Amino acid sequence: MKGHLFKNDQPESWYVSYSDLNSFKTELPLHPYDILKIRDWEKIFDNVDARLYGKEVDFEIEDFWETGLEEVFKVAKLK
């Protein structure tokens, strides 16, 4: 699937925005491992937020379970 990266006002809250089969705009949080990659990029590149914000990306939807949460939730995993 294709979508666009954007960052919420809260720190470390990246999302992927995409249109679903019914052409409704949908947002999914970015997979935590992808957020860790972005943190690593921040050590190398200047202004990573501006470089990534709004960029089109390929992603897949995955189920993610985090310790301490009772339910699995959907996240966007970059390809």
Protein backbone atom coordinates (compact mmCIF):
# COMPACT_ATOMS: atom_id res chain seq x y z
CA MET A 1 0.00 0.00 0.00
CA LYS A 2 1.00 3.62 -0.39
CA GLY A 3 0.49 6.40 2.09
CA HIS A 4 2.03 9.60 3.43
CA LEU A 5 4.08 10.02 6.61
CA PHE A 6 3.20 12.74 9.06
CA LYS A 7 4.04 13.54 12.65
CA ASN A 8 1.53 14.39 15.34
CA ASP A 9 2.15 17.16 17.89
CA GLN A 10 3.22 14.64 20.50
CA PRO A 11 6.83 13.44 20.47
CA GLU A 12 7.57 10.15 18.72
CA SER A 13 4.08 9.94 17.25
CA TRP A 14 4.47 9.26 13.52
CA TYR A 15 1.49 8.17 11.45
CA VAL A 16 0.76 6.98 7.92
CA SER A 17 -2.25 8.50 6.17
CA TYR A 18 -3.83 6.59 3.28
CA SER A 19 -7.10 6.09 1.44
CA ASP A 20 -8.83 2.78 2.09
CA LEU A 21 -10.89 0.78 -0.41
CA ASN A 22 -13.89 3.09 0.09
CA SER A 23 -11.71 6.19 -0.48
CA PHE A 24 -11.98 7.18 3.18
CA LYS A 25 -8.90 8.83 4.59
CA THR A 26 -7.45 6.59 7.28
CA GLU A 27 -4.52 6.99 9.66
CA LEU A 28 -2.42 4.33 11.35
CA PRO A 29 0.38 4.77 13.87
CA LEU A 30 3.82 3.90 12.57
CA HIS A 31 5.31 0.63 13.83
CA PRO A 32 7.52 1.20 16.92
CA TYR A 33 10.53 -0.37 15.17
CA ASP A 34 10.22 2.15 12.34
CA ILE A 35 10.15 4.95 14.89
CA LEU A 36 13.43 3.61 16.29
CA LYS A 37 14.90 3.80 12.76
CA ILE A 38 13.82 7.44 12.52
CA ARG A 39 15.57 8.15 15.84
CA ASP A 40 18.76 6.65 14.40
CA TRP A 41 18.43 8.81 11.28
CA GLU A 42 18.17 11.88 13.53
CA LYS A 43 21.73 11.15 14.70
CA ILE A 44 22.99 11.27 11.10
CA PHE A 45 20.81 13.76 9.21
CA ASP A 46 19.70 17.30 10.00
CA ASN A 47 15.99 18.04 10.28
CA VAL A 48 14.69 14.50 9.73
CA ASP A 49 11.13 15.60 10.52
CA ALA A 50 11.09 17.99 7.56
CA ARG A 51 12.70 15.40 5.27
CA LEU A 52 10.07 12.74 6.09
CA TYR A 53 6.89 14.76 6.69
CA GLY A 54 4.41 14.26 3.84
CA LYS A 55 6.62 11.82 1.93
CA GLU A 56 4.90 8.97 0.10
CA VAL A 57 5.89 5.57 1.49
CA ASP A 58 5.18 1.90 0.85
CA PHE A 59 3.80 0.14 3.89
CA GLU A 60 1.85 -2.87 5.03
CA ILE A 61 -0.69 -3.14 7.83
CA GLU A 62 0.39 -5.37 10.71
CA ASP A 63 -1.09 -6.39 14.02
CA PHE A 64 1.06 -5.25 16.95
CA TRP A 65 0.83 -6.23 20.58
CA GLU A 66 2.67 -4.35 23.27
CA THR A 67 3.36 -5.71 26.73
CA GLY A 68 0.84 -4.37 29.19
CA LEU A 69 -1.94 -3.91 26.66
CA GLU A 70 -4.82 -6.33 26.46
CA GLU A 71 -5.61 -6.01 22.76
CA VAL A 72 -3.69 -6.16 19.53
CA PHE A 73 -3.81 -2.99 17.44
CA LYS A 74 -3.03 -2.18 13.81
CA VAL A 75 0.15 -0.33 12.82
CA ALA A 76 1.78 0.72 9.55
CA LYS A 77 5.07 -1.12 8.91
CA LEU A 78 7.33 0.49 6.32
CA LYS A 79 8.60 -1.74 3.54
